[in-house]
Amino acid sequence: MLFSPRIGRWLRIALLVAVPLTALVVWLSIQPATRMATPDGDRFFVNSLLYDEFDLSAMALRGLNAVSGRQAGRLSPPEDAYDETFHEKLLTKPPLEKRYFLEYPHAILLLFRSGWWLQPSEAAAAQTGVILDSDYHNLAIFRPHTPEQSVIMRGFVRSSRYYVVVMVICLLALIAVLEWGYGPRARLRGGALMLLLPAAIFFTLNRYDVIPALCTALSFALLGRDRHRASAFALAVGVLFKVYPILFAPFVLRYLWTDRKAAIRWATTFAATGLLAFMPLLFGADLQAVLAPYLYQFSRPPEPSMTIYGCLLPEAAAGGAFGAIFRLGTLGVVTAALLLEPITSIASILRRSAMVLVVFVSLAVFYSPQWILWFAPLLLPLVAQSRRLGWTIGALDAVTYMTFPIWYWLVVPIGYWLLQENGEWNIQLFRGLGGVLRLARFAVCGVLAWQLLNLEWPKLFQHTWLARRVLPALAQLFSRRPM
């Protein structure tokens, strides 16, 4: 043995702390001081492997609107405009729209607002009609031309830096919860090293999905220690930030069903906490403002380029009433089927919740690569029970990172640039690579679902030809050690 167990444990802890902090330092060194985007030439190189200005610009813009006291409720995002046009618009003073666009649940506005509370002068300078009603894409790529514009953009930069520091702290907290484990009886502890994989680090820094992931992990850790009310509260808070953790609640209730009082305590606490979603009504918001983010997310138009539609399912299945019924019906049938058998362990909750989550993200009409963080509190504690599952999680992280940012921010832009230099416009090769990555993602998700089924019900497919031949062969692809 190269190191004693004690030294190895301390080295592991040092790695779990050092990698996120190092990524944070590098991220901060990449971002300019008075604009969100890095210089144009850097977009094609290493900066894009760690830094993404767009969603952070959206977060800061929503926070600025909230700080200004405006009402949310606009159901369509502002229109995009070219950089030069946006610069000209900044010289005008158009009236404010009646409402601003908000695609996130109101609870996360507490974080978005606080980024501006720390810099009141920049917040005051940025509260103009053009800024507040702009498309965040404009702000993400805008290059200030005057000192006043530099002050405004410095406010966005500082807010985004504050958000990223909070996200890294939440990632360290998530690592601590996974190391703490999901209870002394559950034997679900560890797996945190997989949070150091590229996609997990990238989307921790550039999105806020690590926060509901932390709430989910904390909920299971408390559930495994029989702290039912605290567990329900933690999961409900996660739902207030992102709706998806509500998918796991039925499996927790199924697990507690043998103790009716515990199940009732959990359910009532979860429901009571969920009512906090309507808290903005007490501070002057109306029902339209409160419901608008949810209405927008549930009615988003199909974006088939990287979804299952047009790949494994026809595009016609994505839109309209049929598409909504198909997705909700499939999700309901899968959830009901997984609830039939009793749930006797936290591990069983994690496996069944992960299966439903696979269905949910696979059937969505848009693709958000930060979903990789949603799986972390469900799958990582299970890695110790199945090394093959660990390889599949690693493959999913790799495919996700190769899709975004590598393919999206590096391959396609460089491809367009090279082809324009050669006087050609055929981009099919680069789009084809995106199609391969899309197929690879669904293949990995299929293997993941099979492994979860096999762990939950080992004898379910034991004697079928599919289980004996095809599925193990696919799983083997992701269980081999790299060359």
Protein backbone atom coordinates (compact mmCIF):
# COMPACT_ATOMS: atom_id res chain seq x y z
CA MET A 1 0.00 0.00 0.00
CA LEU A 2 1.43 3.35 -1.07
CA PHE A 3 -0.21 5.32 1.76
CA SER A 4 -1.64 4.34 5.09
CA PRO A 5 -5.45 4.49 5.30
CA ARG A 6 -5.24 7.60 7.44
CA ILE A 7 -2.96 9.45 5.01
CA GLY A 8 -5.08 8.28 2.09
CA ARG A 9 -8.20 9.63 3.79
CA TRP A 10 -6.61 13.04 4.33
CA LEU A 11 -5.35 13.12 0.75
CA ARG A 12 -8.86 12.37 -0.44
CA ILE A 13 -10.30 15.19 1.67
CA ALA A 14 -7.62 17.54 0.39
CA LEU A 15 -8.49 16.64 -3.19
CA LEU A 16 -12.22 17.15 -2.59
CA VAL A 17 -11.54 20.64 -1.27
CA ALA A 18 -8.66 21.68 -3.52
CA VAL A 19 -10.22 20.92 -6.90
CA PRO A 20 -13.38 23.08 -6.47
CA LEU A 21 -11.35 25.94 -4.95
CA THR A 22 -8.78 25.74 -7.74
CA ALA A 23 -11.57 25.76 -10.34
CA LEU A 24 -13.03 28.84 -8.64
CA VAL A 25 -9.69 30.67 -8.72
CA VAL A 26 -9.21 29.84 -12.40
CA TRP A 27 -12.79 30.91 -13.19
CA LEU A 28 -12.26 34.25 -11.45
CA SER A 29 -9.02 34.81 -13.33
CA ILE A 30 -10.79 34.23 -16.66
CA GLN A 31 -13.60 36.74 -16.20
CA PRO A 32 -12.87 40.34 -17.27
CA ALA A 33 -13.50 43.16 -14.79
CA THR A 34 -16.01 45.23 -16.76
CA ARG A 35 -17.73 42.81 -19.14
CA MET A 36 -19.17 39.33 -18.92
CA ALA A 37 -17.74 37.84 -22.12
CA THR A 38 -14.06 37.18 -22.60
CA PRO A 39 -12.37 38.65 -25.70
CA ASP A 40 -13.75 37.23 -28.94
CA GLY A 41 -10.67 35.20 -29.79
CA ASP A 42 -10.75 33.45 -26.41
CA ARG A 43 -14.20 32.00 -27.12
CA PHE A 44 -12.53 29.32 -29.27
CA PHE A 45 -10.01 28.23 -26.67
CA VAL A 46 -9.59 27.07 -23.10
CA ASN A 47 -11.76 29.73 -21.43
CA SER A 48 -14.91 28.06 -22.71
CA LEU A 49 -13.94 24.82 -20.99
CA LEU A 50 -14.61 26.42 -17.59
CA TYR A 51 -16.39 29.73 -18.12
CA ASP A 52 -19.86 30.51 -19.51
CA GLU A 53 -21.21 34.03 -19.17
CA PHE A 54 -24.76 33.54 -20.42
CA ASP A 55 -26.81 31.96 -17.62
CA LEU A 56 -24.96 34.02 -15.03
CA SER A 57 -25.96 37.16 -16.94
CA ALA A 58 -29.58 35.96 -16.81
CA MET A 59 -29.35 35.39 -13.07
CA ALA A 60 -27.91 38.85 -12.45
CA LEU A 61 -30.51 40.48 -14.71
CA ARG A 62 -33.42 38.79 -12.91
CA GLY A 63 -31.92 39.85 -9.59
CA LEU A 64 -31.57 43.44 -10.78
CA ASN A 65 -35.22 43.52 -11.83
CA ALA A 66 -36.26 42.17 -8.44
CA VAL A 67 -34.10 44.72 -6.60
CA SER A 68 -35.71 47.50 -8.62
CA GLY A 69 -39.11 46.48 -7.22
CA ARG A 70 -40.67 45.37 -10.50
CA GLN A 71 -43.34 42.73 -10.90
CA ALA A 72 -42.53 39.50 -12.70
CA GLY A 73 -45.12 37.90 -14.94
CA ARG A 74 -44.04 38.42 -18.52
CA LEU A 75 -44.46 35.06 -20.28
CA SER A 76 -42.09 35.54 -23.20
CA PRO A 77 -38.42 36.52 -23.05
CA PRO A 78 -37.30 39.82 -24.59
CA GLU A 79 -36.13 39.72 -28.18
CA ASP A 80 -32.43 39.41 -28.94
CA ALA A 81 -30.57 42.20 -30.77
CA TYR A 82 -27.14 42.68 -32.26
CA ASP A 83 -24.41 44.19 -30.12
CA GLU A 84 -24.29 47.44 -32.12
CA THR A 85 -28.06 47.88 -31.92
CA PHE A 86 -27.98 47.28 -28.18
CA HIS A 87 -25.26 49.91 -27.77
CA GLU A 88 -27.47 52.43 -29.60
CA LYS A 89 -30.47 51.49 -27.46
CA LEU A 90 -28.46 52.22 -24.32
CA LEU A 91 -28.31 55.87 -25.39
CA THR A 92 -32.11 56.08 -25.33
CA LYS A 93 -34.57 56.05 -22.43
CA PRO A 94 -37.51 53.85 -23.44
CA PRO A 95 -40.32 53.30 -20.92
CA LEU A 96 -40.28 50.16 -18.83
CA GLU A 97 -42.46 47.24 -19.75
CA LYS A 98 -45.30 46.50 -17.35
CA ARG A 99 -43.66 43.29 -16.16
CA TYR A 100 -40.27 41.64 -16.44
CA PHE A 101 -39.52 38.14 -17.64
CA LEU A 102 -38.64 35.56 -14.97
CA GLU A 103 -38.04 31.92 -15.83
CA TYR A 104 -36.80 30.86 -12.39
CA PRO A 105 -38.88 30.17 -9.26
CA HIS A 106 -39.14 33.20 -6.97
CA ALA A 107 -37.23 31.56 -4.11
CA ILE A 108 -33.92 31.76 -5.97
CA LEU A 109 -34.39 35.52 -6.35
CA LEU A 110 -33.10 35.82 -2.80
CA LEU A 111 -29.69 34.76 -4.11
CA PHE A 112 -29.97 36.83 -7.28
CA ARG A 113 -30.97 39.96 -5.34
CA SER A 114 -28.17 39.66 -2.81
CA GLY A 115 -25.56 39.98 -5.53
CA TRP A 116 -26.78 43.56 -6.04
CA TRP A 117 -27.32 44.37 -2.37
CA LEU A 118 -23.54 44.28 -1.97
CA GLN A 119 -23.08 47.04 -4.59
CA PRO A 120 -25.90 49.60 -4.34
CA SER A 121 -24.23 52.23 -6.57
CA GLU A 122 -23.83 49.79 -9.48
CA ALA A 123 -27.39 48.57 -8.94
CA ALA A 124 -28.73 52.12 -9.13
CA ALA A 125 -26.74 52.84 -12.29
CA ALA A 126 -28.01 49.68 -14.00
CA GLN A 127 -31.72 50.30 -13.35
CA THR A 128 -32.56 51.75 -16.74
CA GLY A 129 -35.33 50.67 -19.08
CA VAL A 130 -32.95 49.32 -21.69
CA ILE A 131 -31.06 47.17 -19.18
CA LEU A 132 -34.04 45.89 -17.20
CA ASP A 133 -36.02 44.87 -20.28
CA SER A 134 -33.07 43.55 -22.29
CA ASP A 135 -32.34 40.04 -23.44
CA TYR A 136 -29.62 38.63 -21.23
CA HIS A 137 -27.74 37.46 -24.31
CA ASN A 138 -27.09 41.12 -25.13
CA LEU A 139 -25.64 41.77 -21.70
CA ALA A 140 -23.54 38.63 -21.82
CA ILE A 141 -21.68 39.70 -24.95
CA PHE A 142 -21.87 43.50 -24.57
CA ARG A 143 -18.64 45.50 -24.66
CA PRO A 144 -19.01 48.82 -22.82
CA HIS A 145 -18.15 51.95 -24.78
CA THR A 146 -18.38 54.58 -22.05
CA PRO A 147 -17.36 54.83 -18.36
CA GLU A 148 -21.04 54.74 -17.38
CA GLN A 149 -21.56 51.52 -19.28
CA SER A 150 -18.44 50.08 -17.64
CA VAL A 151 -19.96 50.78 -14.23
CA ILE A 152 -23.14 48.93 -15.22
CA MET A 153 -21.26 45.92 -16.54
CA ARG A 154 -18.99 45.87 -13.50
CA GLY A 155 -22.15 45.38 -11.47
CA PHE A 156 -23.05 42.30 -13.52
CA VAL A 157 -19.52 40.94 -13.18
CA ARG A 158 -19.47 41.37 -9.40
CA SER A 159 -22.91 39.81 -9.02
CA SER A 160 -21.90 36.80 -11.09
CA ARG A 161 -18.71 36.37 -9.05
CA TYR A 162 -20.77 36.39 -5.88
CA TYR A 163 -23.08 33.71 -7.31
CA VAL A 164 -20.16 31.51 -8.30
CA VAL A 165 -18.59 31.74 -4.84
CA VAL A 166 -21.95 30.69 -3.34
CA MET A 167 -22.16 27.74 -5.77
CA VAL A 168 -18.70 26.50 -4.85
CA ILE A 169 -19.60 26.71 -1.17
CA CYS A 170 -22.74 24.68 -1.92
CA LEU A 171 -20.64 22.13 -3.81
CA LEU A 172 -18.34 21.76 -0.81
CA ALA A 173 -21.42 21.36 1.39
CA LEU A 174 -22.79 18.69 -0.98
CA ILE A 175 -19.46 16.86 -0.77
CA ALA A 176 -19.64 17.04 3.03
CA VAL A 177 -23.19 15.62 3.05
CA LEU A 178 -22.18 12.73 0.77
CA GLU A 179 -19.20 12.00 3.00
CA TRP A 180 -21.49 12.17 6.04
CA GLY A 181 -23.72 9.61 4.37
CA TYR A 182 -27.42 8.88 4.30
CA GLY A 183 -27.66 7.36 7.74
CA PRO A 184 -25.83 4.75 9.81
CA ARG A 185 -28.07 1.90 8.63
CA ALA A 186 -28.16 2.79 4.94
CA ARG A 187 -24.49 2.16 4.09
CA LEU A 188 -24.78 4.96 1.53
CA ARG A 189 -21.72 7.09 1.89
CA GLY A 190 -19.13 8.53 -0.45
CA GLY A 191 -19.06 8.95 -4.20
CA ALA A 192 -18.12 12.61 -3.79
CA LEU A 193 -15.00 12.24 -5.92
CA MET A 194 -17.27 12.04 -8.97
CA LEU A 195 -18.30 15.64 -8.30
CA LEU A 196 -14.80 16.56 -9.46
CA LEU A 197 -15.51 15.36 -13.00
CA PRO A 198 -15.50 18.07 -15.70
CA ALA A 199 -19.23 18.50 -16.31
CA ALA A 200 -20.05 18.55 -12.59
CA ILE A 201 -17.46 21.28 -11.97
CA PHE A 202 -18.46 23.28 -15.05
CA PHE A 203 -22.17 23.42 -14.22
CA THR A 204 -21.51 24.08 -10.56
CA LEU A 205 -19.63 27.21 -11.56
CA ASN A 206 -21.97 28.44 -14.28
CA ARG A 207 -25.46 27.40 -13.10
CA TYR A 208 -27.25 27.20 -9.75
CA ASP A 209 -28.46 23.57 -9.93
CA VAL A 210 -26.01 22.53 -7.22
CA ILE A 211 -28.33 24.23 -4.70
CA PRO A 212 -31.38 21.94 -5.20
CA ALA A 213 -28.93 19.02 -5.45
CA LEU A 214 -27.60 19.94 -2.01
CA CYS A 215 -31.14 20.20 -0.63
CA THR A 216 -31.96 16.75 -2.04
CA ALA A 217 -28.86 15.15 -0.55
CA LEU A 218 -29.50 16.77 2.82
CA SER A 219 -33.08 15.50 2.75
CA PHE A 220 -31.96 11.89 2.28
CA ALA A 221 -29.23 12.25 4.89
CA LEU A 222 -31.81 13.44 7.42
CA LEU A 223 -34.32 10.79 6.37
CA GLY A 224 -31.75 8.08 7.02
CA ARG A 225 -31.38 9.44 10.54
CA ASP A 226 -35.15 9.42 11.16
CA ARG A 227 -35.42 13.21 11.18
CA HIS A 228 -38.55 13.19 9.09
CA ARG A 229 -39.72 16.78 9.40
CA ALA A 230 -36.26 18.15 8.67
CA SER A 231 -35.99 15.80 5.70
CA ALA A 232 -39.31 16.98 4.28
CA PHE A 233 -38.36 20.61 4.80
CA ALA A 234 -35.02 20.18 2.99
CA LEU A 235 -36.60 18.47 -0.04
CA ALA A 236 -39.39 21.05 -0.22
CA VAL A 237 -36.82 23.87 -0.20
CA GLY A 238 -35.16 22.13 -3.13
CA VAL A 239 -38.51 22.16 -4.93
CA LEU A 240 -38.80 25.89 -4.29
CA PHE A 241 -35.52 26.39 -6.17
CA LYS A 242 -36.20 23.84 -8.94
CA VAL A 243 -39.41 21.84 -9.28
CA TYR A 244 -37.84 18.47 -10.19
CA PRO A 245 -37.20 17.17 -6.59
CA ILE A 246 -40.97 16.79 -6.24
CA LEU A 247 -40.56 13.64 -8.36
CA PHE A 248 -38.83 11.96 -5.41
CA ALA A 249 -41.52 12.70 -2.80
CA PRO A 250 -43.81 9.73 -3.68
CA PHE A 251 -40.95 7.29 -3.11
CA VAL A 252 -40.14 8.78 0.29
CA LEU A 253 -43.79 8.44 1.29
CA ARG A 254 -43.84 4.83 0.03
CA TYR A 255 -40.79 4.14 2.18
CA LEU A 256 -42.45 5.66 5.27
CA TRP A 257 -45.85 4.10 4.58
CA THR A 258 -45.43 1.31 7.13
CA ASP A 259 -45.29 4.03 9.80
CA ARG A 260 -48.36 6.09 9.00
CA LYS A 261 -47.59 8.79 11.57
CA ALA A 262 -44.12 9.31 10.15
CA ALA A 263 -45.52 9.46 6.63
CA ILE A 264 -48.13 12.04 7.68
CA ARG A 265 -45.50 14.13 9.47
CA TRP A 266 -43.30 14.08 6.40
CA ALA A 267 -46.14 14.86 3.98
CA THR A 268 -47.60 17.73 6.02
CA THR A 269 -44.20 19.35 6.52
CA PHE A 270 -43.40 18.99 2.83
CA ALA A 271 -46.75 20.50 1.81
CA ALA A 272 -46.55 23.33 4.35
CA THR A 273 -43.05 24.27 3.18
CA GLY A 274 -44.16 24.13 -0.43
CA LEU A 275 -46.73 26.82 0.31
CA LEU A 276 -43.81 29.22 0.72
CA ALA A 277 -43.82 29.38 -3.06
CA PHE A 278 -46.71 31.80 -2.62
CA MET A 279 -44.84 33.95 -0.10
CA PRO A 280 -44.27 36.74 -2.70
CA LEU A 281 -48.03 37.40 -2.51
CA LEU A 282 -47.43 38.79 0.97
CA PHE A 283 -44.90 41.29 -0.37
CA GLY A 284 -46.93 42.84 -3.15
CA ALA A 285 -46.70 40.27 -5.94
CA ASP A 286 -49.83 39.04 -7.67
CA LEU A 287 -50.74 35.53 -8.76
CA GLN A 288 -49.59 36.14 -12.33
CA ALA A 289 -46.13 37.09 -11.10
CA VAL A 290 -45.90 34.01 -8.89
CA LEU A 291 -47.15 31.51 -11.48
CA ALA A 292 -45.43 32.93 -14.57
CA PRO A 293 -42.10 31.04 -14.18
CA TYR A 294 -43.92 27.72 -13.88
CA LEU A 295 -46.27 28.48 -16.77
CA TYR A 296 -43.33 29.37 -18.96
CA GLN A 297 -41.36 26.21 -18.12
CA PHE A 298 -44.35 23.93 -18.65
CA SER A 299 -45.24 25.55 -21.97
CA ARG A 300 -41.78 25.94 -23.49
CA PRO A 301 -41.75 25.29 -27.23
CA PRO A 302 -39.95 22.13 -28.40
CA GLU A 303 -36.24 22.44 -29.13
CA PRO A 304 -35.63 19.19 -31.00
CA SER A 305 -31.96 19.71 -31.90
CA MET A 306 -30.59 17.84 -28.87
CA THR A 307 -33.70 16.13 -27.48
CA ILE A 308 -35.10 12.64 -27.99
CA TYR A 309 -37.58 14.02 -30.54
CA GLY A 310 -36.31 13.64 -34.05
CA CYS A 311 -33.79 11.14 -32.76
CA LEU A 312 -35.51 8.15 -31.13
CA LEU A 313 -39.04 9.58 -31.21
CA PRO A 314 -40.76 11.56 -33.97
CA GLU A 315 -40.74 15.34 -33.66
CA ALA A 316 -44.52 15.32 -33.80
CA ALA A 317 -44.57 13.75 -30.33
CA ALA A 318 -42.98 16.85 -28.79
CA GLY A 319 -45.51 19.62 -29.25
CA GLY A 320 -49.16 20.30 -28.64
CA ALA A 321 -51.63 18.62 -26.33
CA PHE A 322 -50.57 15.16 -27.48
CA GLY A 323 -46.97 15.83 -26.49
CA ALA A 324 -47.95 17.06 -23.02
CA ILE A 325 -50.26 14.09 -22.44
CA PHE A 326 -47.59 11.70 -23.70
CA ARG A 327 -44.89 13.07 -21.38
CA LEU A 328 -47.04 13.39 -18.29
CA GLY A 329 -48.73 10.05 -18.95
CA THR A 330 -45.44 8.22 -19.39
CA LEU A 331 -44.02 9.81 -16.27
CA GLY A 332 -47.15 8.92 -14.30
CA VAL A 333 -47.20 5.30 -15.49
CA VAL A 334 -43.51 4.81 -14.70
CA THR A 335 -43.91 6.38 -11.25
CA ALA A 336 -46.97 4.25 -10.48
CA ALA A 337 -45.19 1.07 -11.59
CA LEU A 338 -42.20 1.87 -9.39
CA LEU A 339 -44.49 2.45 -6.40
CA LEU A 340 -46.15 -0.97 -6.58
CA GLU A 341 -43.46 -2.84 -4.69
CA PRO A 342 -42.72 -1.79 -1.09
CA ILE A 343 -39.64 0.37 -0.52
CA THR A 344 -37.60 -0.89 2.40
CA SER A 345 -34.38 1.14 2.20
CA ILE A 346 -32.96 4.54 1.34
CA ALA A 347 -31.00 2.87 -1.47
CA SER A 348 -34.26 1.72 -3.02
CA ILE A 349 -35.61 5.30 -2.88
CA LEU A 350 -32.49 6.52 -4.67
CA ARG A 351 -32.67 3.89 -7.40
CA ARG A 352 -36.36 4.41 -8.16
CA SER A 353 -36.05 8.19 -7.99
CA ALA A 354 -33.15 8.06 -10.43
CA MET A 355 -35.19 5.90 -12.83
CA VAL A 356 -38.00 8.46 -12.85
CA LEU A 357 -35.48 11.25 -13.33
CA VAL A 358 -34.02 9.44 -16.35
CA VAL A 359 -37.51 9.33 -17.89
CA PHE A 360 -38.19 12.96 -17.01
CA VAL A 361 -35.04 14.42 -18.56
CA SER A 362 -35.15 12.07 -21.54
CA LEU A 363 -38.67 13.12 -22.56
CA ALA A 364 -38.18 16.87 -22.00
CA VAL A 365 -38.73 19.09 -25.04
CA PHE A 366 -35.48 20.96 -24.36
CA TYR A 367 -32.01 19.90 -23.27
CA SER A 368 -30.23 21.43 -20.28
CA PRO A 369 -26.84 19.81 -19.68
CA GLN A 370 -26.78 20.98 -16.05
CA TRP A 371 -29.18 18.10 -15.39
CA ILE A 372 -26.04 16.09 -14.66
CA LEU A 373 -26.06 17.69 -11.18
CA TRP A 374 -29.64 16.53 -10.55
CA PHE A 375 -28.45 12.93 -10.57
CA ALA A 376 -25.58 13.48 -8.13
CA PRO A 377 -27.42 13.04 -4.78
CA LEU A 378 -29.27 10.00 -6.17
CA LEU A 379 -26.48 8.06 -7.88
CA LEU A 380 -23.20 8.93 -6.20
CA PRO A 381 -23.99 7.24 -2.85
CA LEU A 382 -24.78 4.04 -4.82
CA VAL A 383 -21.36 3.85 -6.48
CA ALA A 384 -19.88 1.90 -3.57
CA GLN A 385 -22.46 -0.83 -4.22
CA SER A 386 -21.80 -1.05 -7.96
CA ARG A 387 -18.56 -0.19 -9.73
CA ARG A 388 -20.32 -0.54 -13.09
CA LEU A 389 -22.72 2.18 -12.03
CA GLY A 390 -19.72 4.39 -11.32
CA TRP A 391 -18.37 3.88 -14.84
CA THR A 392 -21.77 4.72 -16.31
CA ILE A 393 -21.98 7.93 -14.28
CA GLY A 394 -18.51 8.82 -15.51
CA ALA A 395 -19.59 8.15 -19.09
CA LEU A 396 -22.67 10.36 -18.66
CA ASP A 397 -20.50 13.17 -17.30
CA ALA A 398 -18.08 12.77 -20.23
CA VAL A 399 -20.83 12.80 -22.87
CA THR A 400 -22.44 15.82 -21.21
CA TYR A 401 -19.18 17.76 -21.12
CA MET A 402 -18.33 16.83 -24.70
CA THR A 403 -21.76 18.11 -25.74
CA PHE A 404 -21.55 21.30 -23.72
CA PRO A 405 -19.22 23.14 -23.70
CA ILE A 406 -16.85 21.29 -26.07
CA TRP A 407 -19.18 20.65 -29.01
CA TYR A 408 -21.44 23.67 -28.50
CA TRP A 409 -18.81 26.31 -27.70
CA LEU A 410 -15.69 24.96 -29.44
CA VAL A 411 -16.37 22.51 -32.25
CA VAL A 412 -19.29 24.23 -33.98
CA PRO A 413 -17.94 27.82 -33.78
CA ILE A 414 -14.49 26.72 -34.93
CA GLY A 415 -16.12 24.71 -37.70
CA TYR A 416 -18.06 27.70 -38.95
CA TRP A 417 -14.95 29.85 -38.79
CA LEU A 418 -12.80 27.36 -40.71
CA LEU A 419 -15.44 26.81 -43.35
CA GLN A 420 -15.95 30.52 -43.86
CA GLU A 421 -12.22 30.96 -44.26
CA ASN A 422 -12.30 28.34 -47.00
CA GLY A 423 -15.33 29.88 -48.65
CA GLU A 424 -17.58 26.94 -47.85
CA TRP A 425 -20.74 26.72 -45.73
CA ASN A 426 -21.29 23.00 -45.38
CA ILE A 427 -21.49 22.39 -41.66
CA GLN A 428 -23.04 18.92 -41.79
CA LEU A 429 -19.93 17.24 -40.37
CA PHE A 430 -20.06 19.32 -37.22
CA ARG A 431 -23.82 18.92 -36.85
CA GLY A 432 -23.35 15.21 -37.34
CA LEU A 433 -21.00 15.12 -34.38
CA GLY A 434 -23.77 16.69 -32.29
CA GLY A 435 -26.11 13.93 -33.43
CA VAL A 436 -23.59 11.29 -32.39
CA LEU A 437 -23.29 12.89 -28.96
CA ARG A 438 -27.08 12.99 -28.65
CA LEU A 439 -27.33 9.27 -29.44
CA ALA A 440 -24.49 8.53 -27.05
CA ARG A 441 -26.31 10.37 -24.26
CA PHE A 442 -29.47 8.34 -24.70
CA ALA A 443 -27.43 5.13 -24.95
CA VAL A 444 -25.75 5.91 -21.63
CA CYS A 445 -29.11 6.81 -20.08
CA GLY A 446 -30.48 3.46 -21.29
CA VAL A 447 -27.58 1.59 -19.71
CA LEU A 448 -28.05 3.60 -16.53
CA ALA A 449 -31.75 2.71 -16.36
CA TRP A 450 -30.96 -0.99 -16.92
CA GLN A 451 -28.32 -0.99 -14.19
CA LEU A 452 -30.71 0.66 -11.75
CA LEU A 453 -33.41 -1.88 -12.56
CA ASN A 454 -30.93 -4.70 -12.15
CA LEU A 455 -29.80 -3.36 -8.77
CA GLU A 456 -33.36 -2.88 -7.58
CA TRP A 457 -34.79 -6.16 -8.90
CA PRO A 458 -31.85 -8.48 -9.76
CA LYS A 459 -34.08 -11.33 -10.93
CA LEU A 460 -36.49 -9.26 -13.00
CA PHE A 461 -34.81 -9.81 -16.39
CA GLN A 462 -32.57 -12.69 -15.44
CA HIS A 463 -34.06 -15.17 -17.91
CA THR A 464 -34.88 -12.88 -20.83
CA TRP A 465 -32.86 -12.85 -24.03
CA LEU A 466 -32.59 -9.05 -23.80
CA ALA A 467 -31.07 -9.23 -20.34
CA ARG A 468 -28.74 -12.13 -21.14
CA ARG A 469 -27.40 -10.79 -24.43
CA VAL A 470 -28.03 -7.21 -25.45
CA LEU A 471 -28.19 -5.15 -22.28
CA PRO A 472 -25.15 -6.71 -20.55
CA ALA A 473 -23.16 -6.12 -23.73
CA LEU A 474 -24.11 -2.45 -23.69
CA ALA A 475 -23.33 -2.18 -20.00
CA GLN A 476 -19.96 -3.80 -20.57
CA LEU A 477 -18.98 -0.94 -22.86
CA PHE A 478 -19.17 1.43 -19.94
CA SER A 479 -17.64 -0.89 -17.34
CA ARG A 480 -14.29 -1.47 -19.00
CA ARG A 481 -11.29 0.35 -17.71
CA PRO A 482 -9.98 3.06 -20.06
CA MET A 483 -7.02 2.17 -22.22
